[in-house]
Protein backbone atom coordinates (compact mmCIF):
# COMPACT_ATOMS: atom_id res chain seq x y z
CA MET A 1 -0.13 0.17 -0.07
CA THR A 2 1.40 3.56 -0.72
CA ILE A 3 1.26 5.52 2.12
CA SER A 4 1.39 9.42 1.89
CA PRO A 5 4.21 10.77 4.25
CA ASP A 6 1.67 13.41 5.06
CA ALA A 7 -0.90 11.11 5.80
CA PRO A 8 -2.18 11.33 9.51
CA VAL A 9 0.20 8.98 11.70
CA ALA A 10 -2.62 6.54 12.43
CA SER A 11 -2.75 6.08 8.81
CA ARG A 12 0.88 5.22 8.07
CA ARG A 13 0.25 1.77 9.88
CA PRO A 14 0.80 -1.15 7.41
CA ALA A 15 -2.79 -2.48 6.36
CA GLY A 16 -1.90 -6.21 7.53
CA ALA A 17 -1.52 -4.33 10.96
CA ALA A 18 -4.54 -2.35 11.29
CA GLY A 19 -6.68 -4.80 13.30
CA THR A 20 -6.56 -8.64 13.24
CA PRO A 21 -9.92 -10.42 12.51
CA ARG A 22 -11.44 -11.39 15.92
CA PRO A 23 -12.22 -15.51 16.37
CA GLY A 24 -16.07 -16.24 15.80
CA SER A 25 -17.98 -16.56 12.51
CA GLY A 26 -18.37 -13.63 10.23
CA SER A 27 -15.98 -10.71 9.17
CA ASP A 28 -15.49 -7.88 10.91
CA PHE A 29 -17.93 -5.74 8.76
CA ALA A 30 -20.47 -8.22 9.32
CA ARG A 31 -19.97 -7.92 12.89
CA LEU A 32 -20.32 -3.91 12.46
CA SER A 33 -23.35 -4.11 10.13
CA GLN A 34 -25.25 -6.27 12.76
CA ARG A 35 -24.68 -3.33 15.04
CA ILE A 36 -25.79 -0.74 12.75
CA THR A 37 -28.96 -2.38 11.83
CA GLU A 38 -29.92 -3.06 15.48
CA ALA A 39 -29.89 0.36 15.92
CA GLY A 40 -32.24 0.89 12.96
CA LEU A 41 -29.60 3.12 11.09
CA LEU A 42 -30.57 1.95 7.53
CA GLU A 43 -34.21 2.35 7.86
CA ARG A 44 -35.31 4.77 5.28
CA ARG A 45 -36.40 8.40 6.45
CA PRO A 46 -38.87 9.91 3.99
CA GLY A 47 -39.97 12.55 6.34
CA TYR A 48 -36.27 13.91 6.18
CA TYR A 49 -36.18 13.69 2.49
CA ALA A 50 -39.51 15.40 2.02
CA VAL A 51 -38.32 18.34 4.27
CA ARG A 52 -34.72 18.61 2.50
CA PHE A 53 -36.34 17.91 -0.71
CA ALA A 54 -38.66 21.30 -0.52
CA LEU A 55 -36.07 23.19 0.92
CA VAL A 56 -33.88 22.47 -1.83
CA ILE A 57 -36.23 23.15 -4.71
CA GLY A 58 -38.18 26.21 -2.75
CA SER A 59 -34.67 27.61 -2.54
CA PHE A 60 -33.91 26.82 -6.32
CA ALA A 61 -37.56 28.29 -7.11
CA ALA A 62 -36.73 31.36 -4.97
CA GLY A 63 -33.26 31.92 -6.72
CA TRP A 64 -34.69 31.77 -10.11
CA GLY A 65 -37.75 34.12 -8.79
CA ALA A 66 -35.37 36.73 -7.77
CA PHE A 67 -33.50 36.51 -10.64
CA PHE A 68 -36.85 37.39 -12.82
CA ALA A 69 -37.47 40.17 -10.24
CA LEU A 70 -34.37 42.07 -10.53
CA GLY A 71 -34.01 42.15 -14.28
CA ASP A 72 -31.47 43.63 -15.93
CA THR A 73 -28.78 44.45 -13.25
CA TRP A 74 -25.11 43.87 -11.85
CA TRP A 75 -27.02 42.80 -8.24
CA GLN A 76 -27.79 39.38 -10.39
CA LEU A 77 -24.03 38.47 -9.48
CA GLY A 78 -25.33 37.89 -5.73
CA VAL A 79 -28.27 35.63 -7.16
CA ALA A 80 -25.52 33.80 -9.13
CA ALA A 81 -23.35 33.22 -6.07
CA PHE A 82 -26.82 31.98 -4.20
CA LEU A 83 -27.59 29.58 -7.20
CA ALA A 84 -24.38 28.21 -7.33
CA PHE A 85 -24.73 26.94 -3.36
CA VAL A 86 -28.21 25.60 -4.43
CA PHE A 87 -26.93 23.90 -7.28
CA GLY A 88 -24.43 22.19 -4.92
CA GLN A 89 -26.84 21.21 -2.68
CA ILE A 90 -29.08 19.72 -5.58
CA ALA A 91 -25.82 17.58 -6.70
CA LEU A 92 -25.58 16.53 -2.95
CA VAL A 93 -29.70 15.55 -3.08
CA ALA A 94 -28.55 13.68 -6.66
CA HIS A 95 -25.53 11.78 -4.74
CA ASP A 96 -28.18 10.41 -1.99
CA LEU A 97 -30.92 9.42 -4.70
CA ALA A 98 -28.00 7.40 -6.68
CA HIS A 99 -27.26 5.81 -3.39
CA ARG A 100 -30.87 4.63 -2.73
CA GLN A 101 -30.80 6.32 0.19
CA VAL A 102 -34.05 7.85 -0.41
CA PHE A 103 -35.82 5.26 -2.24
CA ARG A 104 -34.90 1.58 -2.19
CA ARG A 105 -35.84 0.93 -5.76
CA ARG A 106 -33.83 1.42 -8.65
CA ARG A 107 -36.46 2.90 -10.80
CA PRO A 108 -37.78 6.05 -8.49
CA SER A 109 -33.97 6.48 -7.79
CA GLU A 110 -33.16 7.08 -11.35
CA THR A 111 -35.92 9.27 -12.04
CA GLY A 112 -35.02 11.47 -9.20
CA GLY A 113 -31.53 11.32 -9.89
CA ARG A 114 -32.14 12.54 -13.62
CA LEU A 115 -34.48 15.50 -13.00
CA PHE A 116 -32.46 16.99 -10.11
CA GLY A 117 -28.89 15.74 -11.94
CA ASN A 118 -29.62 16.15 -15.69
CA LEU A 119 -32.36 18.83 -15.58
CA GLY A 120 -31.63 20.74 -12.51
CA ILE A 121 -27.96 21.22 -13.09
CA GLY A 122 -26.59 19.56 -16.13
CA MET A 123 -24.73 16.61 -14.58
CA SER A 124 -25.66 13.62 -16.14
CA TYR A 125 -26.89 10.66 -13.71
CA GLY A 126 -25.62 7.68 -15.69
CA TRP A 127 -21.90 9.16 -16.01
CA TRP A 128 -21.74 10.28 -12.46
CA MET A 129 -23.43 6.91 -11.40
CA ASN A 130 -20.43 4.76 -13.46
CA LYS A 131 -17.75 6.72 -11.92
CA HIS A 132 -18.69 7.25 -8.22
CA THR A 133 -19.82 3.42 -8.25
CA ARG A 134 -16.18 2.66 -9.30
CA HIS A 135 -14.96 4.79 -6.70
CA HIS A 136 -16.84 3.16 -3.85
CA ALA A 137 -15.72 -0.22 -5.00
CA HIS A 138 -11.81 0.85 -5.00
CA PRO A 139 -11.35 4.05 -3.53
CA ASN A 140 -8.21 5.60 -3.40
CA HIS A 141 -6.86 2.81 -5.85
CA GLU A 142 -4.74 4.30 -8.27
CA GLU A 143 -5.62 2.02 -11.53
CA LEU A 144 -9.40 1.61 -10.47
CA ASP A 145 -10.71 4.52 -8.71
CA PRO A 146 -11.43 7.47 -11.16
CA ASP A 147 -10.88 9.98 -8.92
CA VAL A 148 -7.41 9.52 -8.19
CA SER A 149 -6.48 8.70 -11.82
CA PRO A 150 -3.75 11.03 -13.25
CA ASP A 151 -5.23 13.59 -15.28
CA ILE A 152 -4.63 17.43 -14.91
CA LEU A 153 -3.54 16.63 -11.24
CA VAL A 154 -1.44 13.44 -9.76
CA TRP A 155 -2.08 12.04 -6.65
CA SER A 156 1.09 9.92 -5.91
CA ALA A 157 4.57 10.36 -6.50
CA GLU A 158 4.70 7.63 -8.96
CA GLN A 159 1.87 9.26 -11.18
CA ALA A 160 4.16 12.41 -10.80
CA ARG A 161 7.22 10.31 -12.27
CA ALA A 162 5.09 9.17 -15.26
CA SER A 163 3.22 12.10 -15.96
CA ARG A 164 2.97 13.85 -19.28
CA GLY A 165 1.33 16.64 -20.91
CA LEU A 166 -0.78 19.14 -18.90
CA ALA A 167 -0.24 17.01 -15.42
CA ARG A 168 3.49 17.44 -16.36
CA LEU A 169 3.12 21.34 -16.59
CA LEU A 170 1.11 21.89 -13.68
CA GLY A 171 1.93 18.64 -11.26
CA GLY A 172 4.84 20.40 -9.42
CA HIS A 173 2.68 23.57 -8.40
CA GLN A 174 -0.37 21.77 -8.46
CA ALA A 175 -1.30 22.57 -4.71
CA LEU A 176 -1.15 26.20 -5.14
CA LEU A 177 -3.30 25.74 -8.43
CA PHE A 178 -5.68 23.27 -6.82
CA PHE A 179 -8.57 26.22 -5.55
CA PRO A 180 -8.00 27.92 -8.82
CA LEU A 181 -8.53 24.72 -11.06
CA LEU A 182 -11.98 24.12 -8.99
CA THR A 183 -13.27 27.08 -10.83
CA LEU A 184 -13.36 25.09 -14.23
CA GLU A 185 -14.84 22.25 -12.22
CA GLY A 186 -18.89 22.85 -13.00
CA PHE A 187 -18.02 23.49 -16.72
CA ASN A 188 -16.17 20.30 -16.68
CA LEU A 189 -18.65 18.78 -15.19
CA HIS A 190 -21.00 19.72 -17.96
CA VAL A 191 -18.51 18.77 -20.56
CA SER A 192 -17.94 15.53 -19.28
CA SER A 193 -21.50 14.58 -18.98
CA LEU A 194 -22.32 15.61 -22.74
CA ARG A 195 -19.22 13.21 -23.92
CA ALA A 196 -20.35 10.46 -22.13
CA LEU A 197 -23.68 10.04 -23.68
CA ARG A 198 -21.59 8.18 -26.64
CA SER A 199 -19.73 5.79 -23.98
CA PRO A 200 -21.12 2.13 -24.12
CA PHE A 201 -22.08 2.08 -20.58
CA MET A 202 -24.76 5.00 -20.62
CA LYS A 203 -28.09 3.69 -20.49
CA ASN A 204 -31.13 5.75 -21.51
CA ARG A 205 -28.76 8.05 -23.75
CA LEU A 206 -31.40 9.55 -25.22
CA LEU A 207 -33.64 10.87 -22.31
CA GLU A 208 -30.06 11.91 -20.36
CA GLY A 209 -28.96 13.64 -23.51
CA ALA A 210 -32.68 15.33 -23.86
CA LEU A 211 -32.44 16.33 -19.98
CA LEU A 212 -29.20 17.76 -20.58
CA LEU A 213 -29.75 19.65 -23.58
CA LEU A 214 -32.87 21.20 -21.72
CA HIS A 215 -31.24 22.48 -19.00
CA ILE A 216 -28.56 24.01 -21.08
CA ALA A 217 -31.04 25.82 -23.32
CA GLY A 218 -33.07 27.04 -20.46
CA LEU A 219 -30.26 28.28 -18.50
CA LEU A 220 -28.93 30.09 -21.35
CA THR A 221 -32.40 31.45 -22.60
CA ALA A 222 -33.12 32.86 -19.14
CA LEU A 223 -29.69 34.37 -18.85
CA PHE A 224 -29.69 36.37 -22.59
CA LEU A 225 -33.21 36.75 -22.33
CA VAL A 226 -33.19 39.09 -19.05
CA LEU A 227 -29.81 40.29 -19.09
CA SER A 228 -27.28 42.16 -21.53
CA PRO A 229 -24.88 40.03 -23.06
CA GLY A 230 -22.24 41.19 -20.59
CA LYS A 231 -24.31 40.44 -17.87
CA ALA A 232 -25.39 37.32 -18.92
CA VAL A 233 -21.81 35.97 -19.34
CA ALA A 234 -20.57 37.36 -15.76
CA PHE A 235 -23.69 35.75 -14.10
CA LEU A 236 -22.53 32.41 -16.04
CA ALA A 237 -19.12 32.78 -15.08
CA VAL A 238 -19.78 33.77 -11.26
CA ASN A 239 -22.26 30.76 -11.14
CA GLN A 240 -20.24 28.07 -12.61
CA CYS A 241 -17.24 28.96 -11.01
CA LEU A 242 -18.42 29.18 -7.50
CA PHE A 243 -20.42 25.94 -8.14
CA GLY A 244 -17.48 24.61 -9.09
CA VAL A 245 -15.14 25.51 -5.92
CA TYR A 246 -18.25 24.15 -3.79
CA LEU A 247 -18.32 20.88 -5.24
CA GLY A 248 -14.65 20.67 -4.99
CA CYS A 249 -14.35 21.96 -1.41
CA THR A 250 -17.28 19.43 -0.51
CA PHE A 251 -15.44 16.41 -2.05
CA ALA A 252 -11.70 17.14 -1.52
CA PRO A 253 -11.57 16.62 2.16
CA ASN A 254 -12.90 12.98 1.73
CA HIS A 255 -9.73 10.93 0.33
CA LYS A 256 -7.22 13.26 -0.80
CA GLY A 257 -3.89 12.96 0.98
CA MET A 258 -5.21 9.38 2.72
CA PRO A 259 -3.24 6.11 1.57
CA THR A 260 -3.88 4.86 -1.92
CA LEU A 261 -3.58 1.16 -3.36
CA THR A 262 -1.81 0.05 -6.51
CA GLY A 263 -1.33 -3.23 -8.49
CA ASP A 264 -3.10 -5.82 -6.72
CA GLN A 265 -3.00 -4.85 -3.47
CA ARG A 266 -6.37 -5.70 -1.61
CA LEU A 267 -8.02 -5.21 1.59
CA ASP A 268 -10.92 -6.44 3.29
CA PHE A 269 -14.11 -4.31 2.98
CA LEU A 270 -14.12 -2.83 6.43
CA ARG A 271 -10.28 -1.52 6.09
CA ARG A 272 -10.64 -0.62 2.45
CA GLN A 273 -12.91 2.05 3.48
CA VAL A 274 -12.00 2.98 6.39
CA LEU A 275 -8.22 3.52 5.92
CA THR A 276 -8.43 5.32 2.74
CA SER A 277 -11.43 7.83 4.06
CA ARG A 278 -11.58 11.00 6.20
CA ASN A 279 -13.79 12.21 8.49
CA VAL A 280 -14.36 16.05 9.13
CA ARG A 281 -15.43 17.46 12.45
CA GLY A 282 -18.21 19.95 12.65
CA GLY A 283 -21.97 20.85 14.06
CA ARG A 284 -25.00 21.01 12.36
CA LEU A 285 -24.08 23.65 9.74
CA THR A 286 -20.83 21.37 8.37
CA ASP A 287 -23.54 18.58 8.00
CA VAL A 288 -25.78 20.92 5.25
CA LEU A 289 -22.62 22.20 4.00
CA LEU A 290 -21.06 19.25 3.38
CA GLY A 291 -24.29 17.40 2.68
CA GLY A 292 -23.38 14.63 5.35
CA LEU A 293 -19.97 13.72 3.32
CA ASN A 294 -17.85 14.81 6.15
CA TYR A 295 -19.14 11.31 7.64
CA GLN A 296 -16.96 9.87 4.79
CA ILE A 297 -15.98 6.76 6.80
CA GLU A 298 -19.85 5.84 7.60
CA HIS A 299 -20.89 6.71 3.98
CA HIS A 300 -18.35 4.60 2.32
CA LEU A 301 -19.39 1.47 4.76
CA PHE A 302 -22.96 2.14 4.56
CA PRO A 303 -23.62 3.99 1.29
CA SER A 304 -27.48 3.32 1.47
CA MET A 305 -27.90 4.97 4.86
CA PRO A 306 -29.65 7.92 5.06
CA THR A 307 -27.50 11.06 5.68
CA VAL A 308 -29.67 11.91 8.90
CA HIS A 309 -28.13 8.82 10.47
CA LEU A 310 -24.75 8.89 9.89
CA ARG A 311 -23.97 11.22 12.82
CA ARG A 312 -25.38 8.38 15.14
CA ALA A 313 -23.25 5.57 13.16
CA GLN A 314 -20.32 7.43 13.67
CA VAL A 315 -20.21 7.10 17.52
CA ILE A 316 -20.61 2.96 16.65
CA VAL A 317 -18.29 2.72 13.63
CA ARG A 318 -15.54 4.79 15.85
CA ARG A 319 -15.86 2.76 18.84
CA TYR A 320 -15.83 -0.41 16.71
CA CYS A 321 -12.48 0.28 15.00
CA ALA A 322 -10.92 1.40 18.26
CA GLU A 323 -11.93 -1.88 19.11
CA ILE A 324 -10.46 -4.09 16.54
CA GLY A 325 -7.45 -1.73 16.11
CA VAL A 326 -8.53 0.22 12.82
CA PRO A 327 -6.91 3.31 12.60
CA TYR A 328 -10.06 5.94 12.30
CA HIS A 329 -8.93 9.30 10.93
CA GLU A 330 -11.22 12.50 11.77
CA THR A 331 -10.08 16.11 11.85
CA GLY A 332 -11.45 19.72 11.19
CA LEU A 333 -12.24 21.31 7.78
CA ILE A 334 -9.42 23.54 7.41
CA GLN A 335 -6.72 20.98 8.52
CA SER A 336 -8.39 18.56 5.98
CA TYR A 337 -7.77 21.19 3.11
CA ARG A 338 -4.24 21.18 4.52
CA GLU A 339 -3.75 17.68 4.75
CA ALA A 340 -4.93 17.26 1.35
CA LEU A 341 -2.52 20.20 -0.35
CA THR A 342 0.47 19.10 1.76
CA HIS A 343 0.33 15.94 0.22
CA MET A 344 -0.49 17.33 -3.22
CA HIS A 345 2.75 19.41 -3.16
CA ARG A 346 4.85 16.57 -1.80
CA VAL A 347 3.75 14.37 -4.54
CA GLY A 348 4.35 16.74 -7.00
CA GLU A 349 8.39 16.97 -6.01
CA PRO A 350 9.84 14.30 -8.68
CA ILE A 351 8.16 16.91 -11.47
CA ARG A 352 10.21 19.72 -9.47
CA GLN A 353 13.15 17.72 -9.33
CA ALA A 354 13.34 17.03 -12.90
CA ARG A 355 12.91 20.61 -13.64
CA ARG A 356 15.90 21.50 -11.51
CA ALA A 357 17.87 18.78 -13.40
């Protein structure tokens, strides 16, 4: 297992030493799952999601209501910023739907995911579902997890040494460039969603494509109908850049800078999920802003668990990990970014060395 020198001390422990399975029937995860089930934390919470959906949809409607009420004015940039936050909340709702936290059945989950994702924010549900499913199956595996595959950024020294093109150009200073690059993530999401329509894994591509095009057409029509061309472009830039930063700040603390796997290295399910994930401490505001992803360890262990139950599940999971000797890493929000950026800077060292040579 590749362990970052900047990973938390507890996370540097070799995988094989991270707890020894106890005697008795069933795996470590099976015993944990039994405790979670007995606590009722896998039960659906329709009331919670009804309220959450109402608040998100209400905020979406309020944002666009304010947009049409204000008309052609630079005050619209404030609306653009507010809608960037709302778009992020819609993405988090689509995430919960994809994991069947809301509905047990596939069809209503897919319908809701496409309405919130494709139509609401221009993100392909099918593309994201394919990508995110692979991430959950192999978190932080450099060859199998698309979230740590080398692209513009590199996530290990080995990737840095093998980097080419844009990754080679930016990798030496990627920690400094990380947040500026996030301003492009909103646009990248739309481009990736449209390009995925031609992928063989995409199901219902006509429906997905129609909803994506309807979102794009509706957004651009509203902007250029109400605003002057300059204000419309400024609105779009502010909205999409802040949306990208918000999404990046929501997902970046979860795994970046945590241990990675390569090749045929394998861990049992519980250790694979716990050792590669980081929790973020905080109160109810943190829960809302990060959509429950601050309980990343619990979410990865029980992806279909309703978000509202993750806080209670954390108590059980953390205690259980202590019992079996599995490191459980949790930090504050700012520290999580510090760890991720420190790791990104360190793994870029081979590129910097090559330039000095």
